[in-house]
Amino acid sequence: MSEQTYSGVDQDADGGLTPLGRIVIDAWVFGILPESERCTDWSMSQMQNLYEEVYAAWEPYAHLPSRLPPELQQRHSSFYAHRISVARDSGWNTDLSDES
């Protein structure tokens, strides 16, 4: 049985705004990964290791973007604004209502 792999942030659903995609985006914010790294075909163990690094990077800021220093806040805002735009352009709908 082969290990599952991650599709990569650019092929991920919702413009990469899934839990795994957010790990990649946050790794860019903190400089853990270069912005060119999309994690395409990474194993789940590689993604788990990346998660642990990202988690540790967030700890001094209580995992809150509002507690990031200005430079990191700017990076966070920029990366997430871009990803939200990509998601919306691909049909992402944030409407949570039960009515169709």
PDB file of N, CA and C in Angstrom:
ATOM      1  N   MET A   1       0.845  -1.172   0.000  1.00  0.00           N
ATOM      2  CA  MET A   1       0.000   0.000   0.000  1.00  0.00           C
ATOM      3  C   MET A   1       0.895   1.241   0.000  1.00  0.00           C
ATOM      4  N   SER A   2       0.627   2.149  -0.931  1.00  0.00           N
ATOM      5  CA  SER A   2       1.466   3.339  -1.018  1.00  0.00           C
ATOM      6  C   SER A   2       0.886   4.466  -0.168  1.00  0.00           C
ATOM      7  N   GLU A   3       1.780   5.313   0.288  1.00  0.00           N
ATOM      8  CA  GLU A   3       1.379   6.435   1.128  1.00  0.00           C
ATOM      9  C   GLU A   3       0.691   7.496   0.275  1.00  0.00           C
ATOM     10  N   GLN A   4      -0.333   8.119   0.841  1.00  0.00           N
ATOM     11  CA  GLN A   4      -1.010   9.215   0.158  1.00  0.00           C
ATOM     12  C   GLN A   4      -0.071  10.405   0.062  1.00  0.00           C
ATOM     13  N   THR A   5      -0.286  11.213  -0.978  1.00  0.00           N
ATOM     14  CA  THR A   5       0.506  12.430  -1.138  1.00  0.00           C
ATOM     15  C   THR A   5      -0.420  13.632  -1.245  1.00  0.00           C
ATOM     16  N   TYR A   6       0.146  14.773  -0.976  1.00  0.00           N
ATOM     17  CA  TYR A   6      -0.583  16.038  -1.071  1.00  0.00           C
ATOM     18  C   TYR A   6      -0.516  16.524  -2.513  1.00  0.00           C
ATOM     19  N   SER A   7      -1.619  17.023  -3.018  1.00  0.00           N
ATOM     20  CA  SER A   7      -1.692  17.470  -4.418  1.00  0.00           C
ATOM     21  C   SER A   7      -0.869  18.724  -4.691  1.00  0.00           C
ATOM     22  N   GLY A   8      -0.605  19.501  -3.657  1.00  0.00           N
ATOM     23  CA  GLY A   8       0.096  20.775  -3.819  1.00  0.00           C
ATOM     24  C   GLY A   8      -0.886  21.915  -3.654  1.00  0.00           C
ATOM     25  N   VAL A   9      -0.396  23.021  -3.162  1.00  0.00           N
ATOM     26  CA  VAL A   9      -1.281  24.140  -2.834  1.00  0.00           C
ATOM     27  C   VAL A   9      -2.009  24.685  -4.068  1.00  0.00           C
ATOM     28  N   ASP A  10      -1.387  24.631  -5.231  1.00  0.00           N
ATOM     29  CA  ASP A  10      -2.042  25.157  -6.434  1.00  0.00           C
ATOM     30  C   ASP A  10      -3.115  24.227  -6.978  1.00  0.00           C
ATOM     31  N   GLN A  11      -3.054  22.954  -6.657  1.00  0.00           N
ATOM     32  CA  GLN A  11      -4.064  21.997  -7.103  1.00  0.00           C
ATOM     33  C   GLN A  11      -5.070  21.685  -6.009  1.00  0.00           C
ATOM     34  N   ASP A  12      -4.849  22.196  -4.834  1.00  0.00           N
ATOM     35  CA  ASP A  12      -5.718  21.947  -3.693  1.00  0.00           C
ATOM     36  C   ASP A  12      -7.077  22.617  -3.908  1.00  0.00           C
ATOM     37  N   ALA A  13      -8.089  22.093  -3.247  1.00  0.00           N
ATOM     38  CA  ALA A  13      -9.429  22.676  -3.323  1.00  0.00           C
ATOM     39  C   ALA A  13      -9.453  24.063  -2.690  1.00  0.00           C
ATOM     40  N   ASP A  14     -10.439  24.831  -3.071  1.00  0.00           N
ATOM     41  CA  ASP A  14     -10.682  26.152  -2.475  1.00  0.00           C
ATOM     42  C   ASP A  14      -9.461  27.068  -2.520  1.00  0.00           C
ATOM     43  N   GLY A  15      -8.725  27.024  -3.614  1.00  0.00           N
ATOM     44  CA  GLY A  15      -7.579  27.908  -3.775  1.00  0.00           C
ATOM     45  C   GLY A  15      -6.459  27.661  -2.791  1.00  0.00           C
ATOM     46  N   GLY A  16      -6.454  26.476  -2.190  1.00  0.00           N
ATOM     47  CA  GLY A  16      -5.423  26.164  -1.206  1.00  0.00           C
ATOM     48  C   GLY A  16      -5.814  26.538   0.209  1.00  0.00           C
ATOM     49  N   LEU A  17      -7.071  26.891   0.425  1.00  0.00           N
ATOM     50  CA  LEU A  17      -7.504  27.294   1.759  1.00  0.00           C
ATOM     51  C   LEU A  17      -8.054  26.114   2.572  1.00  0.00           C
ATOM     52  N   THR A  18      -7.519  24.953   2.321  1.00  0.00           N
ATOM     53  CA  THR A  18      -7.836  23.756   3.098  1.00  0.00           C
ATOM     54  C   THR A  18      -6.851  23.685   4.267  1.00  0.00           C
ATOM     55  N   PRO A  19      -7.075  22.794   5.212  1.00  0.00           N
ATOM     56  CA  PRO A  19      -6.107  22.683   6.309  1.00  0.00           C
ATOM     57  C   PRO A  19      -4.666  22.446   5.838  1.00  0.00           C
ATOM     58  N   LEU A  20      -4.467  21.550   4.859  1.00  0.00           N
ATOM     59  CA  LEU A  20      -3.105  21.320   4.372  1.00  0.00           C
ATOM     60  C   LEU A  20      -2.572  22.533   3.618  1.00  0.00           C
ATOM     61  N   GLY A  21      -3.424  23.161   2.836  1.00  0.00           N
ATOM     62  CA  GLY A  21      -3.006  24.355   2.112  1.00  0.00           C
ATOM     63  C   GLY A  21      -2.591  25.472   3.047  1.00  0.00           C
ATOM     64  N   ARG A  22      -3.309  25.631   4.136  1.00  0.00           N
ATOM     65  CA  ARG A  22      -2.975  26.677   5.113  1.00  0.00           C
ATOM     66  C   ARG A  22      -1.618  26.425   5.766  1.00  0.00           C
ATOM     67  N   ILE A  23      -1.271  25.156   5.918  1.00  0.00           N
ATOM     68  CA  ILE A  23       0.056  24.844   6.461  1.00  0.00           C
ATOM     69  C   ILE A  23       1.131  25.366   5.509  1.00  0.00           C
ATOM     70  N   VAL A  24       0.943  25.136   4.220  1.00  0.00           N
ATOM     71  CA  VAL A  24       1.908  25.608   3.226  1.00  0.00           C
ATOM     72  C   VAL A  24       1.967  27.140   3.235  1.00  0.00           C
ATOM     73  N   ILE A  25       0.808  27.789   3.226  1.00  0.00           N
ATOM     74  CA  ILE A  25       0.764  29.255   3.216  1.00  0.00           C
ATOM     75  C   ILE A  25       1.453  29.810   4.453  1.00  0.00           C
ATOM     76  N   ASP A  26       1.155  29.240   5.610  1.00  0.00           N
ATOM     77  CA  ASP A  26       1.795  29.715   6.841  1.00  0.00           C
ATOM     78  C   ASP A  26       3.298  29.456   6.821  1.00  0.00           C
ATOM     79  N   ALA A  27       3.726  28.377   6.190  1.00  0.00           N
ATOM     80  CA  ALA A  27       5.165  28.124   6.064  1.00  0.00           C
ATOM     81  C   ALA A  27       5.822  29.216   5.229  1.00  0.00           C
ATOM     82  N   TRP A  28       5.117  29.729   4.217  1.00  0.00           N
ATOM     83  CA  TRP A  28       5.637  30.871   3.443  1.00  0.00           C
ATOM     84  C   TRP A  28       5.717  32.109   4.323  1.00  0.00           C
ATOM     85  N   VAL A  29       4.659  32.339   5.114  1.00  0.00           N
ATOM     86  CA  VAL A  29       4.621  33.527   5.993  1.00  0.00           C
ATOM     87  C   VAL A  29       5.864  33.558   6.877  1.00  0.00           C
ATOM     88  N   PHE A  30       6.182  32.432   7.480  1.00  0.00           N
ATOM     89  CA  PHE A  30       7.294  32.375   8.434  1.00  0.00           C
ATOM     90  C   PHE A  30       8.643  32.108   7.785  1.00  0.00           C
ATOM     91  N   GLY A  31       8.677  31.957   6.468  1.00  0.00           N
ATOM     92  CA  GLY A  31       9.942  31.713   5.794  1.00  0.00           C
ATOM     93  C   GLY A  31      10.469  30.304   5.996  1.00  0.00           C
ATOM     94  N   ILE A  32       9.609  29.390   6.409  1.00  0.00           N
ATOM     95  CA  ILE A  32      10.012  27.992   6.578  1.00  0.00           C
ATOM     96  C   ILE A  32      10.227  27.359   5.206  1.00  0.00           C
ATOM     97  N   LEU A  33       9.377  27.735   4.263  1.00  0.00           N
ATOM     98  CA  LEU A  33       9.496  27.289   2.873  1.00  0.00           C
ATOM     99  C   LEU A  33       9.639  28.505   1.970  1.00  0.00           C
ATOM    100  N   PRO A  34      10.373  28.375   0.875  1.00  0.00           N
ATOM    101  CA  PRO A  34      10.382  29.461  -0.108  1.00  0.00           C
ATOM    102  C   PRO A  34       9.009  29.531  -0.777  1.00  0.00           C
ATOM    103  N   GLU A  35       8.637  30.711  -1.234  1.00  0.00           N
ATOM    104  CA  GLU A  35       7.332  30.900  -1.877  1.00  0.00           C
ATOM    105  C   GLU A  35       7.173  30.045  -3.126  1.00  0.00           C
ATOM    106  N   SER A  36       8.256  29.603  -3.696  1.00  0.00           N
ATOM    107  CA  SER A  36       8.196  28.766  -4.894  1.00  0.00           C
ATOM    108  C   SER A  36       7.833  27.308  -4.582  1.00  0.00           C
ATOM    109  N   GLU A  37       7.922  26.913  -3.317  1.00  0.00           N
ATOM    110  CA  GLU A  37       7.623  25.520  -2.936  1.00  0.00           C
ATOM    111  C   GLU A  37       6.117  25.343  -2.785  1.00  0.00           C
ATOM    112  N   ARG A  38       5.538  24.443  -3.568  1.00  0.00           N
ATOM    113  CA  ARG A  38       4.095  24.190  -3.555  1.00  0.00           C
ATOM    114  C   ARG A  38       3.742  22.887  -2.845  1.00  0.00           C
ATOM    115  N   CYS A  39       4.739  22.114  -2.454  1.00  0.00           N
ATOM    116  CA  CYS A  39       4.568  20.849  -1.740  1.00  0.00           C
ATOM    117  C   CYS A  39       3.818  19.799  -2.562  1.00  0.00           C
ATOM    118  N   THR A  40       3.881  19.910  -3.862  1.00  0.00           N
ATOM    119  CA  THR A  40       3.243  18.943  -4.752  1.00  0.00           C
ATOM    120  C   THR A  40       3.866  17.566  -4.561  1.00  0.00           C
ATOM    121  N   ASP A  41       3.014  16.590  -4.376  1.00  0.00           N
ATOM    122  CA  ASP A  41       3.405  15.190  -4.175  1.00  0.00           C
ATOM    123  C   ASP A  41       4.185  14.935  -2.892  1.00  0.00           C
ATOM    124  N   TRP A  42       4.070  15.826  -1.925  1.00  0.00           N
ATOM    125  CA  TRP A  42       4.697  15.570  -0.628  1.00  0.00           C
ATOM    126  C   TRP A  42       3.923  14.465   0.071  1.00  0.00           C
ATOM    127  N   SER A  43       4.637  13.608   0.769  1.00  0.00           N
ATOM    128  CA  SER A  43       3.998  12.554   1.550  1.00  0.00           C
ATOM    129  C   SER A  43       3.312  13.175   2.773  1.00  0.00           C
ATOM    130  N   MET A  44       2.394  12.415   3.333  1.00  0.00           N
ATOM    131  CA  MET A  44       1.707  12.897   4.537  1.00  0.00           C
ATOM    132  C   MET A  44       2.682  13.023   5.702  1.00  0.00           C
ATOM    133  N   SER A  45       3.742  12.211   5.729  1.00  0.00           N
ATOM    134  CA  SER A  45       4.737  12.389   6.792  1.00  0.00           C
ATOM    135  C   SER A  45       5.508  13.686   6.617  1.00  0.00           C
ATOM    136  N   GLN A  46       5.799  14.062   5.367  1.00  0.00           N
ATOM    137  CA  GLN A  46       6.454  15.355   5.124  1.00  0.00           C
ATOM    138  C   GLN A  46       5.526  16.500   5.540  1.00  0.00           C
ATOM    139  N   MET A  47       4.239  16.360   5.227  1.00  0.00           N
ATOM    140  CA  MET A  47       3.277  17.399   5.597  1.00  0.00           C
ATOM    141  C   MET A  47       3.132  17.486   7.117  1.00  0.00           C
ATOM    142  N   GLN A  48       3.186  16.342   7.804  1.00  0.00           N
ATOM    143  CA  GLN A  48       3.127  16.341   9.271  1.00  0.00           C
ATOM    144  C   GLN A  48       4.335  17.066   9.846  1.00  0.00           C
ATOM    145  N   ASN A  49       5.512  16.803   9.304  1.00  0.00           N
ATOM    146  CA  ASN A  49       6.719  17.493   9.768  1.00  0.00           C
ATOM    147  C   ASN A  49       6.616  18.991   9.532  1.00  0.00           C
ATOM    148  N   LEU A  50       6.082  19.377   8.367  1.00  0.00           N
ATOM    149  CA  LEU A  50       5.898  20.802   8.073  1.00  0.00           C
ATOM    150  C   LEU A  50       4.899  21.411   9.052  1.00  0.00           C
ATOM    151  N   TYR A  51       3.813  20.705   9.314  1.00  0.00           N
ATOM    152  CA  TYR A  51       2.822  21.174  10.288  1.00  0.00           C
ATOM    153  C   TYR A  51       3.483  21.466  11.633  1.00  0.00           C
ATOM    154  N   GLU A  52       4.319  20.569  12.090  1.00  0.00           N
ATOM    155  CA  GLU A  52       4.975  20.745  13.388  1.00  0.00           C
ATOM    156  C   GLU A  52       5.870  21.981  13.396  1.00  0.00           C
ATOM    157  N   GLU A  53       6.572  22.232  12.296  1.00  0.00           N
ATOM    158  CA  GLU A  53       7.410  23.439  12.206  1.00  0.00           C
ATOM    159  C   GLU A  53       6.550  24.699  12.215  1.00  0.00           C
ATOM    160  N   VAL A  54       5.469  24.680  11.455  1.00  0.00           N
ATOM    161  CA  VAL A  54       4.566  25.832  11.386  1.00  0.00           C
ATOM    162  C   VAL A  54       3.914  26.069  12.747  1.00  0.00           C
ATOM    163  N   TYR A  55       3.475  25.002  13.396  1.00  0.00           N
ATOM    164  CA  TYR A  55       2.868  25.119  14.718  1.00  0.00           C
ATOM    165  C   TYR A  55       3.837  25.798  15.690  1.00  0.00           C
ATOM    166  N   ALA A  56       5.078  25.364  15.680  1.00  0.00           N
ATOM    167  CA  ALA A  56       6.091  25.943  16.566  1.00  0.00           C
ATOM    168  C   ALA A  56       6.343  27.414  16.234  1.00  0.00           C
ATOM    169  N   ALA A  57       6.293  27.763  14.958  1.00  0.00           N
ATOM    170  CA  ALA A  57       6.505  29.165  14.563  1.00  0.00           C
ATOM    171  C   ALA A  57       5.361  30.057  15.044  1.00  0.00           C
ATOM    172  N   TRP A  58       4.158  29.521  15.089  1.00  0.00           N
ATOM    173  CA  TRP A  58       2.993  30.291  15.550  1.00  0.00           C
ATOM    174  C   TRP A  58       2.953  30.462  17.064  1.00  0.00           C
ATOM    175  N   GLU A  59       3.543  29.540  17.807  1.00  0.00           N
ATOM    176  CA  GLU A  59       3.417  29.543  19.271  1.00  0.00           C
ATOM    177  C   GLU A  59       3.740  30.873  19.946  1.00  0.00           C
ATOM    178  N   PRO A  60       4.830  31.570  19.589  1.00  0.00           N
ATOM    179  CA  PRO A  60       5.111  32.837  20.275  1.00  0.00           C
ATOM    180  C   PRO A  60       4.031  33.906  20.058  1.00  0.00           C
ATOM    181  N   TYR A  61       3.181  33.700  19.070  1.00  0.00           N
ATOM    182  CA  TYR A  61       2.141  34.677  18.732  1.00  0.00           C
ATOM    183  C   TYR A  61       0.751  34.164  19.088  1.00  0.00           C
ATOM    184  N   ALA A  62       0.691  33.123  19.913  1.00  0.00           N
ATOM    185  CA  ALA A  62      -0.564  32.521  20.358  1.00  0.00           C
ATOM    186  C   ALA A  62      -1.449  32.110  19.179  1.00  0.00           C
ATOM    187  N   HIS A  63      -0.835  31.818  18.047  1.00  0.00           N
ATOM    188  CA  HIS A  63      -1.544  31.369  16.842  1.00  0.00           C
ATOM    189  C   HIS A  63      -2.546  32.406  16.339  1.00  0.00           C
ATOM    190  N   LEU A  64      -2.272  33.692  16.613  1.00  0.00           N
ATOM    191  CA  LEU A  64      -3.157  34.777  16.204  1.00  0.00           C
ATOM    192  C   LEU A  64      -2.443  35.730  15.260  1.00  0.00           C
ATOM    193  N   PRO A  65      -2.964  35.929  14.057  1.00  0.00           N
ATOM    194  CA  PRO A  65      -2.328  36.874  13.129  1.00  0.00           C
ATOM    195  C   PRO A  65      -2.197  38.282  13.710  1.00  0.00           C
ATOM    196  N   SER A  66      -3.126  38.683  14.555  1.00  0.00           N
ATOM    197  CA  SER A  66      -3.071  40.031  15.143  1.00  0.00           C
ATOM    198  C   SER A  66      -1.879  40.220  16.074  1.00  0.00           C
ATOM    199  N   ARG A  67      -1.269  39.140  16.513  1.00  0.00           N
ATOM    200  CA  ARG A  67      -0.105  39.230  17.398  1.00  0.00           C
ATOM    201  C   ARG A  67       1.222  39.139  16.651  1.00  0.00           C
ATOM    202  N   LEU A  68       1.151  38.955  15.344  1.00  0.00           N
ATOM    203  CA  LEU A  68       2.377  38.907  14.554  1.00  0.00           C
ATOM    204  C   LEU A  68       3.020  40.285  14.494  1.00  0.00           C
ATOM    205  N   PRO A  69       4.343  40.356  14.397  1.00  0.00           N
ATOM    206  CA  PRO A  69       4.992  41.650  14.180  1.00  0.00           C
ATOM    207  C   PRO A  69       4.580  42.197  12.810  1.00  0.00           C
ATOM    208  N   PRO A  70       4.684  43.502  12.605  1.00  0.00           N
ATOM    209  CA  PRO A  70       4.181  44.126  11.372  1.00  0.00           C
ATOM    210  C   PRO A  70       4.647  43.456  10.076  1.00  0.00           C
ATOM    211  N   GLU A  71       5.900  43.087   9.987  1.00  0.00           N
ATOM    212  CA  GLU A  71       6.393  42.471   8.742  1.00  0.00           C
ATOM    213  C   GLU A  71       5.681  41.145   8.468  1.00  0.00           C
ATOM    214  N   LEU A  72       5.524  40.332   9.513  1.00  0.00           N
ATOM    215  CA  LEU A  72       4.834  39.051   9.330  1.00  0.00           C
ATOM    216  C   LEU A  72       3.336  39.248   9.110  1.00  0.00           C
ATOM    217  N   GLN A  73       2.749  40.264   9.754  1.00  0.00           N
ATOM    218  CA  GLN A  73       1.334  40.573   9.505  1.00  0.00           C
ATOM    219  C   GLN A  73       1.128  40.918   8.039  1.00  0.00           C
ATOM    220  N   GLN A  74       2.035  41.690   7.477  1.00  0.00           N
ATOM    221  CA  GLN A  74       1.932  42.069   6.071  1.00  0.00           C
ATOM    222  C   GLN A  74       2.043  40.847   5.167  1.00  0.00           C
ATOM    223  N   ARG A  75       3.000  39.994   5.451  1.00  0.00           N
ATOM    224  CA  ARG A  75       3.158  38.766   4.655  1.00  0.00           C
ATOM    225  C   ARG A  75       1.900  37.902   4.751  1.00  0.00           C
ATOM    226  N   HIS A  76       1.392  37.740   5.967  1.00  0.00           N
ATOM    227  CA  HIS A  76       0.189  36.947   6.187  1.00  0.00           C
ATOM    228  C   HIS A  76      -0.981  37.525   5.385  1.00  0.00           C
ATOM    229  N   SER A  77      -1.198  38.813   5.505  1.00  0.00           N
ATOM    230  CA  SER A  77      -2.301  39.475   4.782  1.00  0.00           C
ATOM    231  C   SER A  77      -2.152  39.312   3.277  1.00  0.00           C
ATOM    232  N   SER A  78      -0.960  39.489   2.784  1.00  0.00           N
ATOM    233  CA  SER A  78      -0.709  39.394   1.352  1.00  0.00           C
ATOM    234  C   SER A  78      -0.959  37.984   0.827  1.00  0.00           C
ATOM    235  N   PHE A  79      -0.393  36.984   1.492  1.00  0.00           N
ATOM    236  CA  PHE A  79      -0.566  35.601   1.043  1.00  0.00           C
ATOM    237  C   PHE A  79      -2.033  35.178   1.095  1.00  0.00           C
ATOM    238  N   TYR A  80      -2.707  35.512   2.187  1.00  0.00           N
ATOM    239  CA  TYR A  80      -4.099  35.080   2.322  1.00  0.00           C
ATOM    240  C   TYR A  80      -5.022  35.858   1.391  1.00  0.00           C
ATOM    241  N   ALA A  81      -4.769  37.139   1.172  1.00  0.00           N
ATOM    242  CA  ALA A  81      -5.585  37.901   0.213  1.00  0.00           C
ATOM    243  C   ALA A  81      -5.469  37.292  -1.180  1.00  0.00           C
ATOM    244  N   HIS A  82      -4.256  36.914  -1.552  1.00  0.00           N
ATOM    245  CA  HIS A  82      -4.055  36.283  -2.866  1.00  0.00           C
ATOM    246  C   HIS A  82      -4.799  34.950  -2.945  1.00  0.00           C
ATOM    247  N   ARG A  83      -4.671  34.134  -1.922  1.00  0.00           N
ATOM    248  CA  ARG A  83      -5.314  32.819  -1.936  1.00  0.00           C
ATOM    249  C   ARG A  83      -6.843  32.947  -1.919  1.00  0.00           C
ATOM    250  N   ILE A  84      -7.385  33.917  -1.222  1.00  0.00           N
ATOM    251  CA  ILE A  84      -8.836  34.139  -1.217  1.00  0.00           C
ATOM    252  C   ILE A  84      -9.291  34.548  -2.613  1.00  0.00           C
ATOM    253  N   SER A  85      -8.509  35.383  -3.269  1.00  0.00           N
ATOM    254  CA  SER A  85      -8.827  35.789  -4.644  1.00  0.00           C
ATOM    255  C   SER A  85      -8.810  34.587  -5.589  1.00  0.00           C
ATOM    256  N   VAL A  86      -7.801  33.742  -5.473  1.00  0.00           N
ATOM    257  CA  VAL A  86      -7.715  32.531  -6.296  1.00  0.00           C
ATOM    258  C   VAL A  86      -8.932  31.648  -6.033  1.00  0.00           C
ATOM    259  N   ALA A  87      -9.291  31.482  -4.779  1.00  0.00           N
ATOM    260  CA  ALA A  87     -10.426  30.634  -4.421  1.00  0.00           C
ATOM    261  C   ALA A  87     -11.727  31.186  -4.999  1.00  0.00           C
ATOM    262  N   ARG A  88     -11.932  32.473  -4.862  1.00  0.00           N
ATOM    263  CA  ARG A  88     -13.162  33.075  -5.400  1.00  0.00           C
ATOM    264  C   ARG A  88     -13.215  32.957  -6.918  1.00  0.00           C
ATOM    265  N   ASP A  89     -12.072  33.166  -7.577  1.00  0.00           N
ATOM    266  CA  ASP A  89     -12.024  33.048  -9.041  1.00  0.00           C
ATOM    267  C   ASP A  89     -12.333  31.628  -9.509  1.00  0.00           C
ATOM    268  N   SER A  90     -12.092  30.652  -8.641  1.00  0.00           N
ATOM    269  CA  SER A  90     -12.373  29.265  -9.018  1.00  0.00           C
ATOM    270  C   SER A  90     -13.730  28.788  -8.507  1.00  0.00           C
ATOM    271  N   GLY A  91     -14.555  29.718  -8.032  1.00  0.00           N
ATOM    272  CA  GLY A  91     -15.912  29.377  -7.641  1.00  0.00           C
ATOM    273  C   GLY A  91     -16.142  29.138  -6.166  1.00  0.00           C
ATOM    274  N   TRP A  92     -15.158  29.433  -5.337  1.00  0.00           N
ATOM    275  CA  TRP A  92     -15.318  29.255  -3.895  1.00  0.00           C
ATOM    276  C   TRP A  92     -16.453  30.124  -3.413  1.00  0.00           C
ATOM    277  N   ASN A  93     -17.353  29.550  -2.630  1.00  0.00           N
ATOM    278  CA  ASN A  93     -18.506  30.277  -2.132  1.00  0.00           C
ATOM    279  C   ASN A  93     -18.487  30.215  -0.611  1.00  0.00           C
ATOM    280  N   THR A  94     -18.492  31.362   0.024  1.00  0.00           N
ATOM    281  CA  THR A  94     -18.432  31.412   1.485  1.00  0.00           C
ATOM    282  C   THR A  94     -19.805  31.484   2.128  1.00  0.00           C
ATOM    283  N   ASP A  95     -20.859  31.408   1.320  1.00  0.00           N
ATOM    284  CA  ASP A  95     -22.217  31.447   1.856  1.00  0.00           C
ATOM    285  C   ASP A  95     -22.486  30.180   2.666  1.00  0.00           C
ATOM    286  N   LEU A  96     -22.780  30.344   3.932  1.00  0.00           N
ATOM    287  CA  LEU A  96     -23.015  29.195   4.805  1.00  0.00           C
ATOM    288  C   LEU A  96     -24.498  28.917   5.024  1.00  0.00           C
ATOM    289  N   SER A  97     -25.352  29.652   4.341  1.00  0.00           N
ATOM    290  CA  SER A  97     -26.782  29.443   4.540  1.00  0.00           C
ATOM    291  C   SER A  97     -27.219  28.087   4.008  1.00  0.00           C
ATOM    292  N   ASP A  98     -28.294  27.578   4.566  1.00  0.00           N
ATOM    293  CA  ASP A  98     -28.841  26.293   4.124  1.00  0.00           C
ATOM    294  C   ASP A  98     -29.776  26.456   2.935  1.00  0.00           C
ATOM    295  N   GLU A  99     -30.107  27.688   2.593  1.00  0.00           N
ATOM    296  CA  GLU A  99     -31.033  27.925   1.490  1.00  0.00           C
ATOM    297  C   GLU A  99     -30.281  27.981   0.183  1.00  0.00           C
ATOM    298  N   SER A 100     -30.852  27.367  -0.836  1.00  0.00           N
ATOM    299  CA  SER A 100     -30.214  27.373  -2.156  1.00  0.00           C
ATOM    300  C   SER A 100     -30.781  28.437  -3.026  1.00  0.00           C
TER     301      SER A 100
END
